[in-house]
Amino acid sequence: MINMRIQQEKWEEEKLSTYATLSKNSRGRFDYEKKCDVRTDFQRDRDRILHSKSFRRLKHKTQVFIAPEGDHFRTRLTHTLEVSQIGRTIARALKLNEDLVEAIALGHDLGHTPFGHTGERVLNSLHPKGFHHNEQSIRVVDFLEHKENKKGLNLTYEVREGILNHTGENRSETLEGQILKFADRIAYINHDIDDAIRAGILRQGDLPNDCMSILGNTHGSRINTMIVNIIENSINKNQIEMSSDILQMTMKLRKFMFDNVYFNIKAKTEEEKTEYIITELYKYYSNNNDKLPQEHLAIYEDMEVDMEDIICDYIAGMTDRYVVNLFSNIFIPKPWEKF
């Protein structure tokens, strides 16, 4: 059988930019594994993430609007897919490694909590060590997910590093990781505008005129402007960047979204309830360690792990609907039935 991986690695070496991260040059995995005859290391990582339980749970986790009933509102899963598409478009244009970008994209939000950033903020205040979703995403792929009865997915260094550094002031070592950070921001700014207008939180006319005149008046035109600008300003360079004017308008639009949507009272009408749910569940399991499911406790067998970590891992992994149902089962009395 022809070794397709070797052919793919050769293609990368011949066709990709000198700044691209070649799969054959990966810094490797924690535990040695025999190479696949068909897929490169980054392609294998992508597939491991795609087939994980944590990835499947993203479909029932909040993006902005908590447990939306409308069919067309984004979830954490659809956000992830949009980030992946944007990232791959940029990577292809710059002749960088699409497979690495896609793997980072699919894994970047695996550690997100139920109820989006509200859940993240609550767990950060409750857990003595703090909580950040990018660090939890690494904990998921390194430890909480299982592959063939082994702890962790044993991903390559480059995928893990890109996941960890996709947010905040962090900067990825690879251009593919830097692309992902831009792709994440482009995706959430624009699709959250779309969802906010659909929800009646914003009107098209509320959007800043100067941002619209430069970036575009439609969802698609804004995304296109941002993507094209990154490509034009990053081609044949050893860093990913926007021009100063487009970056300024992008960041202004992002600030507008924080001021008018992410912290908007209408968008957050249920926030106090979700904060209460997560807080009470955290307290409950802190006082009743024996009530934690055995399936979850089995992950930590023969290990010394702080109970706060075990509780935090359990709650962070829940979907919106699961955490609500669990809270109801624990704290809401059920009608008495005669058997």
C-alpha atoms as a PDB file:
ATOM      1  CA  MET A   1       0.000   0.000   0.000  1.00  0.00           C
ATOM      2  CA  ILE A   2       1.233   3.483  -0.874  1.00  0.00           C
ATOM      3  CA  ASN A   3       1.947   5.523   2.252  1.00  0.00           C
ATOM      4  CA  MET A   4      -0.405   8.466   1.788  1.00  0.00           C
ATOM      5  CA  ARG A   5       0.953  10.284   4.835  1.00  0.00           C
ATOM      6  CA  ILE A   6       4.440  10.465   3.387  1.00  0.00           C
ATOM      7  CA  GLN A   7       3.006  11.788   0.120  1.00  0.00           C
ATOM      8  CA  GLN A   8       1.038  14.412   2.025  1.00  0.00           C
ATOM      9  CA  GLU A   9       4.084  15.438   4.038  1.00  0.00           C
ATOM     10  CA  LYS A  10       6.050  15.784   0.795  1.00  0.00           C
ATOM     11  CA  TRP A  11       3.268  17.899  -0.696  1.00  0.00           C
ATOM     12  CA  GLU A  12       3.359  20.206   2.346  1.00  0.00           C
ATOM     13  CA  GLU A  13       7.110  20.626   1.997  1.00  0.00           C
ATOM     14  CA  GLU A  14       6.854  21.458  -1.706  1.00  0.00           C
ATOM     15  CA  LYS A  15       3.707  23.582  -1.791  1.00  0.00           C
ATOM     16  CA  LEU A  16       3.327  25.389   1.532  1.00  0.00           C
ATOM     17  CA  SER A  17       4.953  28.648   2.547  1.00  0.00           C
ATOM     18  CA  THR A  18       8.386  28.603   4.160  1.00  0.00           C
ATOM     19  CA  TYR A  19       6.589  30.017   7.218  1.00  0.00           C
ATOM     20  CA  ALA A  20       4.116  27.125   7.408  1.00  0.00           C
ATOM     21  CA  THR A  21       4.226  24.537  10.183  1.00  0.00           C
ATOM     22  CA  LEU A  22       4.956  21.216   8.476  1.00  0.00           C
ATOM     23  CA  SER A  23       3.324  18.184  10.034  1.00  0.00           C
ATOM     24  CA  LYS A  24       6.513  16.121   9.674  1.00  0.00           C
ATOM     25  CA  ASN A  25       8.325  18.721  11.807  1.00  0.00           C
ATOM     26  CA  SER A  26       5.879  18.571  14.696  1.00  0.00           C
ATOM     27  CA  ARG A  27       7.437  18.638  18.149  1.00  0.00           C
ATOM     28  CA  GLY A  28       5.429  15.499  18.788  1.00  0.00           C
ATOM     29  CA  ARG A  29       3.160  14.015  21.431  1.00  0.00           C
ATOM     30  CA  PHE A  30       3.533  13.264  25.125  1.00  0.00           C
ATOM     31  CA  ASP A  31       3.463   9.527  24.419  1.00  0.00           C
ATOM     32  CA  TYR A  32       5.072   7.989  21.362  1.00  0.00           C
ATOM     33  CA  GLU A  33       2.699   6.627  18.732  1.00  0.00           C
ATOM     34  CA  LYS A  34       3.392   4.874  15.485  1.00  0.00           C
ATOM     35  CA  LYS A  35       2.648   7.178  12.551  1.00  0.00           C
ATOM     36  CA  CYS A  36      -0.520   6.665  10.527  1.00  0.00           C
ATOM     37  CA  ASP A  37      -0.071   5.448   6.945  1.00  0.00           C
ATOM     38  CA  VAL A  38      -2.898   7.665   5.671  1.00  0.00           C
ATOM     39  CA  ARG A  39      -3.118  10.837   7.767  1.00  0.00           C
ATOM     40  CA  THR A  40      -0.580  13.379   8.948  1.00  0.00           C
ATOM     41  CA  ASP A  41      -0.224  14.030  12.665  1.00  0.00           C
ATOM     42  CA  PHE A  42      -2.343  17.201  12.474  1.00  0.00           C
ATOM     43  CA  GLN A  43      -5.067  15.392  10.529  1.00  0.00           C
ATOM     44  CA  ARG A  44      -5.147  12.699  13.207  1.00  0.00           C
ATOM     45  CA  ASP A  45      -5.501  15.367  15.903  1.00  0.00           C
ATOM     46  CA  ARG A  46      -8.379  16.956  14.036  1.00  0.00           C
ATOM     47  CA  ASP A  47     -10.158  13.617  13.827  1.00  0.00           C
ATOM     48  CA  ARG A  48      -9.601  12.806  17.498  1.00  0.00           C
ATOM     49  CA  ILE A  49     -11.165  16.108  18.515  1.00  0.00           C
ATOM     50  CA  LEU A  50     -14.053  15.715  16.074  1.00  0.00           C
ATOM     51  CA  HIS A  51     -14.931  12.282  17.480  1.00  0.00           C
ATOM     52  CA  SER A  52     -14.649  13.293  21.148  1.00  0.00           C
ATOM     53  CA  LYS A  53     -17.572  13.534  23.549  1.00  0.00           C
ATOM     54  CA  SER A  54     -16.557  17.060  24.491  1.00  0.00           C
ATOM     55  CA  PHE A  55     -16.930  18.179  20.878  1.00  0.00           C
ATOM     56  CA  ARG A  56     -20.409  16.676  20.624  1.00  0.00           C
ATOM     57  CA  ARG A  57     -21.501  18.490  23.784  1.00  0.00           C
ATOM     58  CA  LEU A  58     -20.744  21.866  22.197  1.00  0.00           C
ATOM     59  CA  LYS A  59     -24.042  21.677  20.304  1.00  0.00           C
ATOM     60  CA  HIS A  60     -25.914  22.271  23.581  1.00  0.00           C
ATOM     61  CA  LYS A  61     -23.671  24.951  25.055  1.00  0.00           C
ATOM     62  CA  THR A  62     -24.420  28.680  25.009  1.00  0.00           C
ATOM     63  CA  GLN A  63     -22.668  31.035  22.630  1.00  0.00           C
ATOM     64  CA  VAL A  64     -24.336  34.304  23.732  1.00  0.00           C
ATOM     65  CA  PHE A  65     -28.045  33.673  24.220  1.00  0.00           C
ATOM     66  CA  ILE A  66     -28.703  31.129  26.943  1.00  0.00           C
ATOM     67  CA  ALA A  67     -30.539  28.004  25.795  1.00  0.00           C
ATOM     68  CA  PRO A  68     -32.138  29.752  22.792  1.00  0.00           C
ATOM     69  CA  GLU A  69     -35.351  28.212  21.506  1.00  0.00           C
ATOM     70  CA  GLY A  70     -35.002  29.621  17.982  1.00  0.00           C
ATOM     71  CA  ASP A  71     -33.518  27.229  15.446  1.00  0.00           C
ATOM     72  CA  HIS A  72     -31.153  29.779  13.926  1.00  0.00           C
ATOM     73  CA  PHE A  73     -29.248  31.086  16.949  1.00  0.00           C
ATOM     74  CA  ARG A  74     -25.615  30.044  17.217  1.00  0.00           C
ATOM     75  CA  THR A  75     -24.399  27.534  19.755  1.00  0.00           C
ATOM     76  CA  ARG A  76     -20.826  26.879  20.810  1.00  0.00           C
ATOM     77  CA  LEU A  77     -20.674  24.163  18.143  1.00  0.00           C
ATOM     78  CA  THR A  78     -21.800  26.328  15.228  1.00  0.00           C
ATOM     79  CA  HIS A  79     -19.402  29.033  16.432  1.00  0.00           C
ATOM     80  CA  THR A  80     -16.601  26.474  16.338  1.00  0.00           C
ATOM     81  CA  LEU A  81     -17.470  25.441  12.781  1.00  0.00           C
ATOM     82  CA  GLU A  82     -17.545  29.059  11.622  1.00  0.00           C
ATOM     83  CA  VAL A  83     -14.150  29.697  13.216  1.00  0.00           C
ATOM     84  CA  SER A  84     -12.790  26.629  11.437  1.00  0.00           C
ATOM     85  CA  GLN A  85     -14.081  27.794   8.047  1.00  0.00           C
ATOM     86  CA  ILE A  86     -12.665  31.308   8.439  1.00  0.00           C
ATOM     87  CA  GLY A  87      -9.339  29.964   9.651  1.00  0.00           C
ATOM     88  CA  ARG A  88      -9.006  27.496   6.803  1.00  0.00           C
ATOM     89  CA  THR A  89      -9.806  30.197   4.237  1.00  0.00           C
ATOM     90  CA  ILE A  90      -7.000  32.413   5.548  1.00  0.00           C
ATOM     91  CA  ALA A  91      -4.554  29.514   5.850  1.00  0.00           C
ATOM     92  CA  ARG A  92      -5.186  28.353   2.309  1.00  0.00           C
ATOM     93  CA  ALA A  93      -4.646  31.829   0.879  1.00  0.00           C
ATOM     94  CA  LEU A  94      -1.373  32.225   2.796  1.00  0.00           C
ATOM     95  CA  LYS A  95      -0.235  28.675   1.950  1.00  0.00           C
ATOM     96  CA  LEU A  96      -0.098  27.723   5.603  1.00  0.00           C
ATOM     97  CA  ASN A  97      -1.134  24.415   7.161  1.00  0.00           C
ATOM     98  CA  GLU A  98      -4.925  24.143   6.947  1.00  0.00           C
ATOM     99  CA  ASP A  99      -4.994  20.882   8.889  1.00  0.00           C
ATOM    100  CA  LEU A 100      -3.264  22.468  11.871  1.00  0.00           C
ATOM    101  CA  VAL A 101      -5.614  25.468  11.793  1.00  0.00           C
ATOM    102  CA  GLU A 102      -8.648  23.191  11.617  1.00  0.00           C
ATOM    103  CA  ALA A 103      -7.483  21.018  14.499  1.00  0.00           C
ATOM    104  CA  ILE A 104      -6.883  24.055  16.711  1.00  0.00           C
ATOM    105  CA  ALA A 105     -10.240  25.529  15.692  1.00  0.00           C
ATOM    106  CA  LEU A 106     -12.221  22.391  16.512  1.00  0.00           C
ATOM    107  CA  GLY A 107     -10.550  22.100  19.909  1.00  0.00           C
ATOM    108  CA  HIS A 108     -10.294  25.719  21.001  1.00  0.00           C
ATOM    109  CA  ASP A 109     -13.575  25.861  22.969  1.00  0.00           C
ATOM    110  CA  LEU A 110     -13.818  22.288  24.295  1.00  0.00           C
ATOM    111  CA  GLY A 111     -13.300  23.608  27.824  1.00  0.00           C
ATOM    112  CA  HIS A 112     -16.139  26.101  27.709  1.00  0.00           C
ATOM    113  CA  THR A 113     -18.699  25.922  30.489  1.00  0.00           C
ATOM    114  CA  PRO A 114     -22.486  25.729  30.306  1.00  0.00           C
ATOM    115  CA  PHE A 115     -24.028  29.194  29.887  1.00  0.00           C
ATOM    116  CA  GLY A 116     -20.999  30.536  28.015  1.00  0.00           C
ATOM    117  CA  HIS A 117     -18.827  33.208  29.580  1.00  0.00           C
ATOM    118  CA  THR A 118     -21.264  33.551  32.480  1.00  0.00           C
ATOM    119  CA  GLY A 119     -20.436  30.011  33.566  1.00  0.00           C
ATOM    120  CA  GLU A 120     -16.736  30.680  33.067  1.00  0.00           C
ATOM    121  CA  ARG A 121     -16.895  33.781  35.255  1.00  0.00           C
ATOM    122  CA  VAL A 122     -18.751  31.966  38.043  1.00  0.00           C
ATOM    123  CA  LEU A 123     -16.360  29.013  38.116  1.00  0.00           C
ATOM    124  CA  ASN A 124     -13.427  31.423  38.064  1.00  0.00           C
ATOM    125  CA  SER A 125     -14.805  33.060  41.213  1.00  0.00           C
ATOM    126  CA  LEU A 126     -15.581  29.763  42.966  1.00  0.00           C
ATOM    127  CA  HIS A 127     -12.521  27.669  42.174  1.00  0.00           C
ATOM    128  CA  PRO A 128      -9.504  28.521  44.381  1.00  0.00           C
ATOM    129  CA  LYS A 129      -7.205  28.069  41.370  1.00  0.00           C
ATOM    130  CA  GLY A 130      -9.398  30.138  39.058  1.00  0.00           C
ATOM    131  CA  PHE A 131     -10.895  28.982  35.782  1.00  0.00           C
ATOM    132  CA  HIS A 132     -10.204  29.950  32.158  1.00  0.00           C
ATOM    133  CA  HIS A 133     -11.810  28.142  29.261  1.00  0.00           C
ATOM    134  CA  ASN A 134      -8.644  27.957  27.140  1.00  0.00           C
ATOM    135  CA  GLU A 135      -6.755  26.268  29.982  1.00  0.00           C
ATOM    136  CA  GLN A 136      -9.713  23.950  30.552  1.00  0.00           C
ATOM    137  CA  SER A 137      -9.688  23.045  26.854  1.00  0.00           C
ATOM    138  CA  ILE A 138      -6.115  21.827  27.328  1.00  0.00           C
ATOM    139  CA  ARG A 139      -7.207  19.883  30.415  1.00  0.00           C
ATOM    140  CA  VAL A 140      -9.935  18.250  28.329  1.00  0.00           C
ATOM    141  CA  VAL A 141      -7.630  17.079  25.542  1.00  0.00           C
ATOM    142  CA  ASP A 142      -4.760  16.142  27.873  1.00  0.00           C
ATOM    143  CA  PHE A 143      -6.687  14.370  30.574  1.00  0.00           C
ATOM    144  CA  LEU A 144     -10.481  14.342  30.678  1.00  0.00           C
ATOM    145  CA  GLU A 145     -11.135  12.834  27.257  1.00  0.00           C
ATOM    146  CA  HIS A 146     -10.170   9.212  26.730  1.00  0.00           C
ATOM    147  CA  LYS A 147      -8.710   7.476  23.685  1.00  0.00           C
ATOM    148  CA  GLU A 148      -8.795   3.705  23.691  1.00  0.00           C
ATOM    149  CA  ASN A 149      -9.061   3.594  27.496  1.00  0.00           C
ATOM    150  CA  LYS A 150      -6.085   5.925  27.896  1.00  0.00           C
ATOM    151  CA  LYS A 151      -6.398   9.328  29.521  1.00  0.00           C
ATOM    152  CA  GLY A 152      -6.180  12.219  27.102  1.00  0.00           C
ATOM    153  CA  LEU A 153      -6.134  12.439  23.313  1.00  0.00           C
ATOM    154  CA  ASN A 154      -2.323  12.658  23.150  1.00  0.00           C
ATOM    155  CA  LEU A 155      -2.389  15.583  20.712  1.00  0.00           C
ATOM    156  CA  THR A 156       0.645  17.174  19.122  1.00  0.00           C
ATOM    157  CA  TYR A 157       2.408  20.096  20.773  1.00  0.00           C
ATOM    158  CA  GLU A 158       1.380  22.540  18.014  1.00  0.00           C
ATOM    159  CA  VAL A 159      -2.348  21.839  18.328  1.00  0.00           C
ATOM    160  CA  ARG A 160      -2.240  22.085  22.111  1.00  0.00           C
ATOM    161  CA  GLU A 161      -0.208  25.297  22.003  1.00  0.00           C
ATOM    162  CA  GLY A 162      -2.651  26.865  19.539  1.00  0.00           C
ATOM    163  CA  ILE A 163      -5.645  25.962  21.701  1.00  0.00           C
ATOM    164  CA  LEU A 164      -4.025  27.420  24.802  1.00  0.00           C
ATOM    165  CA  ASN A 165      -3.047  30.685  23.124  1.00  0.00           C
ATOM    166  CA  HIS A 166      -6.184  31.455  21.110  1.00  0.00           C
ATOM    167  CA  THR A 167      -7.490  34.127  23.476  1.00  0.00           C
ATOM    168  CA  GLY A 168      -6.517  37.116  25.583  1.00  0.00           C
ATOM    169  CA  GLU A 169      -3.038  38.586  25.296  1.00  0.00           C
ATOM    170  CA  ASN A 170      -1.536  35.199  24.449  1.00  0.00           C
ATOM    171  CA  ARG A 171       0.249  34.852  21.115  1.00  0.00           C
ATOM    172  CA  SER A 172       0.749  31.501  19.435  1.00  0.00           C
ATOM    173  CA  GLU A 173       4.199  30.373  18.341  1.00  0.00           C
ATOM    174  CA  THR A 174       2.847  29.221  14.962  1.00  0.00           C
ATOM    175  CA  LEU A 175       1.248  31.317  12.226  1.00  0.00           C
ATOM    176  CA  GLU A 176      -1.569  28.778  12.143  1.00  0.00           C
ATOM    177  CA  GLY A 177      -2.284  29.462  15.819  1.00  0.00           C
ATOM    178  CA  GLN A 178      -2.180  33.203  15.171  1.00  0.00           C
ATOM    179  CA  ILE A 179      -4.703  32.754  12.359  1.00  0.00           C
ATOM    180  CA  LEU A 180      -7.020  30.938  14.738  1.00  0.00           C
ATOM    181  CA  LYS A 181      -7.024  33.846  17.185  1.00  0.00           C
ATOM    182  CA  PHE A 182      -8.109  36.237  14.433  1.00  0.00           C
ATOM    183  CA  ALA A 183     -10.637  33.741  13.048  1.00  0.00           C
ATOM    184  CA  ASP A 184     -12.241  33.323  16.474  1.00  0.00           C
ATOM    185  CA  ARG A 185     -12.642  37.074  16.862  1.00  0.00           C
ATOM    186  CA  ILE A 186     -13.945  37.583  13.322  1.00  0.00           C
ATOM    187  CA  ALA A 187     -16.499  34.814  13.801  1.00  0.00           C
ATOM    188  CA  TYR A 188     -17.939  35.846  17.154  1.00  0.00           C
ATOM    189  CA  ILE A 189     -18.103  39.583  16.453  1.00  0.00           C
ATOM    190  CA  ASN A 190     -20.041  39.066  13.252  1.00  0.00           C
ATOM    191  CA  HIS A 191     -22.272  36.131  14.088  1.00  0.00           C
ATOM    192  CA  ASP A 192     -23.141  37.673  17.447  1.00  0.00           C
ATOM    193  CA  ILE A 193     -24.295  40.817  15.608  1.00  0.00           C
ATOM    194  CA  ASP A 194     -26.474  38.581  13.446  1.00  0.00           C
ATOM    195  CA  ASP A 195     -27.958  36.817  16.475  1.00  0.00           C
ATOM    196  CA  ALA A 196     -28.443  40.067  18.413  1.00  0.00           C
ATOM    197  CA  ILE A 197     -30.443  41.569  15.528  1.00  0.00           C
ATOM    198  CA  ARG A 198     -32.500  38.372  15.269  1.00  0.00           C
ATOM    199  CA  ALA A 199     -33.170  38.545  19.023  1.00  0.00           C
ATOM    200  CA  GLY A 200     -34.251  42.187  18.894  1.00  0.00           C
ATOM    201  CA  ILE A 201     -31.336  43.356  21.049  1.00  0.00           C
ATOM    202  CA  LEU A 202     -29.916  45.416  18.170  1.00  0.00           C
ATOM    203  CA  ARG A 203     -31.168  46.999  15.003  1.00  0.00           C
ATOM    204  CA  GLN A 204     -29.032  47.365  11.911  1.00  0.00           C
ATOM    205  CA  GLY A 205     -29.088  51.137  12.402  1.00  0.00           C
ATOM    206  CA  ASP A 206     -27.577  50.821  15.885  1.00  0.00           C
ATOM    207  CA  LEU A 207     -24.242  49.606  14.525  1.00  0.00           C
ATOM    208  CA  PRO A 208     -21.461  52.258  14.472  1.00  0.00           C
ATOM    209  CA  ASN A 209     -21.546  54.135  11.151  1.00  0.00           C
ATOM    210  CA  ASP A 210     -17.770  54.442  10.813  1.00  0.00           C
ATOM    211  CA  CYS A 211     -17.330  50.702  11.353  1.00  0.00           C
ATOM    212  CA  MET A 212     -20.007  49.924   8.797  1.00  0.00           C
ATOM    213  CA  SER A 213     -18.595  52.289   6.183  1.00  0.00           C
ATOM    214  CA  ILE A 214     -15.149  50.680   6.409  1.00  0.00           C
ATOM    215  CA  LEU A 215     -15.939  47.067   7.249  1.00  0.00           C
ATOM    216  CA  GLY A 216     -19.257  46.648   5.436  1.00  0.00           C
ATOM    217  CA  ASN A 217     -22.992  46.832   6.091  1.00  0.00           C
ATOM    218  CA  THR A 218     -23.703  43.107   5.884  1.00  0.00           C
ATOM    219  CA  HIS A 219     -22.571  40.020   7.754  1.00  0.00           C
ATOM    220  CA  GLY A 220     -20.793  38.616   4.714  1.00  0.00           C
ATOM    221  CA  SER A 221     -19.151  41.845   3.616  1.00  0.00           C
ATOM    222  CA  ARG A 222     -17.654  42.477   7.053  1.00  0.00           C
ATOM    223  CA  ILE A 223     -16.224  38.980   7.284  1.00  0.00           C
ATOM    224  CA  ASN A 224     -14.838  39.297   3.764  1.00  0.00           C
ATOM    225  CA  THR A 225     -13.228  42.658   4.545  1.00  0.00           C
ATOM    226  CA  MET A 226     -11.507  41.287   7.628  1.00  0.00           C
ATOM    227  CA  ILE A 227     -10.319  38.086   5.953  1.00  0.00           C
ATOM    228  CA  VAL A 228      -8.987  39.823   2.832  1.00  0.00           C
ATOM    229  CA  ASN A 229      -7.225  42.429   4.952  1.00  0.00           C
ATOM    230  CA  ILE A 230      -5.445  39.747   6.999  1.00  0.00           C
ATOM    231  CA  ILE A 231      -4.354  37.951   3.836  1.00  0.00           C
ATOM    232  CA  GLU A 232      -3.071  41.146   2.203  1.00  0.00           C
ATOM    233  CA  ASN A 233      -1.143  42.192   5.301  1.00  0.00           C
ATOM    234  CA  SER A 234       0.278  38.772   6.190  1.00  0.00           C
ATOM    235  CA  ILE A 235       1.359  37.314   2.874  1.00  0.00           C
ATOM    236  CA  ASN A 236       5.028  36.342   2.835  1.00  0.00           C
ATOM    237  CA  LYS A 237       5.444  37.491   6.438  1.00  0.00           C
ATOM    238  CA  ASN A 238       6.345  35.608   9.575  1.00  0.00           C
ATOM    239  CA  GLN A 239       3.353  36.972  11.496  1.00  0.00           C
ATOM    240  CA  ILE A 240      -0.391  37.319  11.023  1.00  0.00           C
ATOM    241  CA  GLU A 241      -1.754  40.850  11.187  1.00  0.00           C
ATOM    242  CA  MET A 242      -4.411  43.321  10.077  1.00  0.00           C
ATOM    243  CA  SER A 243      -3.785  46.834   8.816  1.00  0.00           C
ATOM    244  CA  SER A 244      -4.090  49.460  11.543  1.00  0.00           C
ATOM    245  CA  ASP A 245      -7.326  50.982  10.183  1.00  0.00           C
ATOM    246  CA  ILE A 246      -9.176  47.662   9.842  1.00  0.00           C
ATOM    247  CA  LEU A 247      -7.889  46.477  13.215  1.00  0.00           C
ATOM    248  CA  GLN A 248      -9.059  49.721  14.819  1.00  0.00           C
ATOM    249  CA  MET A 249     -12.566  49.366  13.388  1.00  0.00           C
ATOM    250  CA  THR A 250     -12.685  45.666  14.270  1.00  0.00           C
ATOM    251  CA  MET A 251     -11.774  46.383  17.881  1.00  0.00           C
ATOM    252  CA  LYS A 252     -14.247  49.275  18.028  1.00  0.00           C
ATOM    253  CA  LEU A 253     -17.003  46.964  16.794  1.00  0.00           C
ATOM    254  CA  ARG A 254     -15.955  44.372  19.368  1.00  0.00           C
ATOM    255  CA  LYS A 255     -16.187  46.986  22.141  1.00  0.00           C
ATOM    256  CA  PHE A 256     -19.600  48.014  20.837  1.00  0.00           C
ATOM    257  CA  MET A 257     -20.751  44.392  21.161  1.00  0.00           C
ATOM    258  CA  PHE A 258     -19.486  44.156  24.731  1.00  0.00           C
ATOM    259  CA  ASP A 259     -21.227  47.392  25.689  1.00  0.00           C
ATOM    260  CA  ASN A 260     -24.505  46.730  23.898  1.00  0.00           C
ATOM    261  CA  VAL A 261     -24.935  42.951  23.708  1.00  0.00           C
ATOM    262  CA  TYR A 262     -22.670  40.912  25.969  1.00  0.00           C
ATOM    263  CA  PHE A 263     -23.476  43.138  28.956  1.00  0.00           C
ATOM    264  CA  ASN A 264     -26.964  44.080  27.760  1.00  0.00           C
ATOM    265  CA  ILE A 265     -29.702  43.498  30.325  1.00  0.00           C
ATOM    266  CA  LYS A 266     -32.073  41.999  27.730  1.00  0.00           C
ATOM    267  CA  ALA A 267     -29.495  39.518  26.504  1.00  0.00           C
ATOM    268  CA  LYS A 268     -28.649  38.597  30.078  1.00  0.00           C
ATOM    269  CA  THR A 269     -32.147  38.390  31.577  1.00  0.00           C
ATOM    270  CA  GLU A 270     -31.490  34.851  32.811  1.00  0.00           C
ATOM    271  CA  GLU A 271     -27.913  35.455  33.932  1.00  0.00           C
ATOM    272  CA  GLU A 272     -28.638  35.708  37.666  1.00  0.00           C
ATOM    273  CA  LYS A 273     -30.433  32.373  37.504  1.00  0.00           C
ATOM    274  CA  THR A 274     -27.571  30.675  35.696  1.00  0.00           C
ATOM    275  CA  GLU A 275     -25.060  32.092  38.169  1.00  0.00           C
ATOM    276  CA  TYR A 276     -27.190  30.758  41.004  1.00  0.00           C
ATOM    277  CA  ILE A 277     -27.483  27.295  39.437  1.00  0.00           C
ATOM    278  CA  ILE A 278     -23.740  26.850  38.973  1.00  0.00           C
ATOM    279  CA  THR A 279     -22.926  28.296  42.400  1.00  0.00           C
ATOM    280  CA  GLU A 280     -25.370  26.025  44.203  1.00  0.00           C
ATOM    281  CA  LEU A 281     -24.204  22.927  42.347  1.00  0.00           C
ATOM    282  CA  TYR A 282     -20.597  23.740  43.189  1.00  0.00           C
ATOM    283  CA  LYS A 283     -21.503  24.135  46.871  1.00  0.00           C
ATOM    284  CA  TYR A 284     -23.599  20.969  46.826  1.00  0.00           C
ATOM    285  CA  TYR A 285     -20.814  18.765  45.480  1.00  0.00           C
ATOM    286  CA  SER A 286     -18.271  20.441  47.765  1.00  0.00           C
ATOM    287  CA  ASN A 287     -20.380  19.297  50.719  1.00  0.00           C
ATOM    288  CA  ASN A 288     -21.418  15.980  49.172  1.00  0.00           C
ATOM    289  CA  ASN A 289     -18.412  14.507  47.379  1.00  0.00           C
ATOM    290  CA  ASP A 290     -20.048  11.092  47.466  1.00  0.00           C
ATOM    291  CA  LYS A 291     -22.841  12.330  45.189  1.00  0.00           C
ATOM    292  CA  LEU A 292     -20.484  12.830  42.265  1.00  0.00           C
ATOM    293  CA  PRO A 293     -21.108  10.150  39.622  1.00  0.00           C
ATOM    294  CA  GLN A 294     -18.790   7.152  39.765  1.00  0.00           C
ATOM    295  CA  GLU A 295     -18.146   7.443  36.036  1.00  0.00           C
ATOM    296  CA  HIS A 296     -16.650  10.882  36.608  1.00  0.00           C
ATOM    297  CA  LEU A 297     -14.701   9.888  39.723  1.00  0.00           C
ATOM    298  CA  ALA A 298     -13.202   6.944  37.854  1.00  0.00           C
ATOM    299  CA  ILE A 299     -11.233   9.404  35.703  1.00  0.00           C
ATOM    300  CA  TYR A 300      -9.126  10.280  38.758  1.00  0.00           C
ATOM    301  CA  GLU A 301      -8.557   6.730  39.994  1.00  0.00           C
ATOM    302  CA  ASP A 302      -5.103   6.214  41.529  1.00  0.00           C
ATOM    303  CA  MET A 303      -4.355   9.933  41.260  1.00  0.00           C
ATOM    304  CA  GLU A 304      -3.966  12.713  43.782  1.00  0.00           C
ATOM    305  CA  VAL A 305      -6.359  15.426  42.591  1.00  0.00           C
ATOM    306  CA  ASP A 306      -7.951  18.239  44.587  1.00  0.00           C
ATOM    307  CA  MET A 307     -11.677  17.810  45.020  1.00  0.00           C
ATOM    308  CA  GLU A 308     -12.177  21.367  43.747  1.00  0.00           C
ATOM    309  CA  ASP A 309     -10.642  20.295  40.424  1.00  0.00           C
ATOM    310  CA  ILE A 310     -12.899  17.245  40.208  1.00  0.00           C
ATOM    311  CA  ILE A 311     -16.027  19.315  40.857  1.00  0.00           C
ATOM    312  CA  CYS A 312     -14.947  22.044  38.462  1.00  0.00           C
ATOM    313  CA  ASP A 313     -14.228  19.519  35.701  1.00  0.00           C
ATOM    314  CA  TYR A 314     -17.657  17.964  36.194  1.00  0.00           C
ATOM    315  CA  ILE A 315     -19.604  21.218  36.046  1.00  0.00           C
ATOM    316  CA  ALA A 316     -17.539  22.715  33.208  1.00  0.00           C
ATOM    317  CA  GLY A 317     -18.246  19.704  31.028  1.00  0.00           C
ATOM    318  CA  MET A 318     -22.022  19.980  31.346  1.00  0.00           C
ATOM    319  CA  THR A 319     -24.329  21.263  28.628  1.00  0.00           C
ATOM    320  CA  ASP A 320     -26.896  23.965  29.351  1.00  0.00           C
ATOM    321  CA  ARG A 321     -29.794  21.527  29.445  1.00  0.00           C
ATOM    322  CA  TYR A 322     -27.926  18.964  31.543  1.00  0.00           C
ATOM    323  CA  VAL A 323     -26.991  21.467  34.242  1.00  0.00           C
ATOM    324  CA  VAL A 324     -30.580  22.759  34.447  1.00  0.00           C
ATOM    325  CA  ASN A 325     -32.006  19.238  34.698  1.00  0.00           C
ATOM    326  CA  LEU A 326     -29.418  18.254  37.297  1.00  0.00           C
ATOM    327  CA  PHE A 327     -30.203  21.312  39.403  1.00  0.00           C
ATOM    328  CA  SER A 328     -33.895  20.494  39.175  1.00  0.00           C
ATOM    329  CA  ASN A 329     -33.362  16.873  40.203  1.00  0.00           C
ATOM    330  CA  ILE A 330     -31.274  17.869  43.226  1.00  0.00           C
ATOM    331  CA  PHE A 331     -33.059  20.970  44.521  1.00  0.00           C
ATOM    332  CA  ILE A 332     -36.635  20.986  43.195  1.00  0.00           C
ATOM    333  CA  PRO A 333     -39.063  18.749  45.112  1.00  0.00           C
ATOM    334  CA  LYS A 334     -40.979  16.221  43.070  1.00  0.00           C
ATOM    335  CA  PRO A 335     -44.668  15.411  43.609  1.00  0.00           C
ATOM    336  CA  TRP A 336     -45.253  12.376  45.824  1.00  0.00           C
ATOM    337  CA  GLU A 337     -46.486   9.270  44.030  1.00  0.00           C
ATOM    338  CA  LYS A 338     -48.002   6.162  45.487  1.00  0.00           C
ATOM    339  CA  PHE A 339     -46.599   2.939  44.083  1.00  0.00           C
END
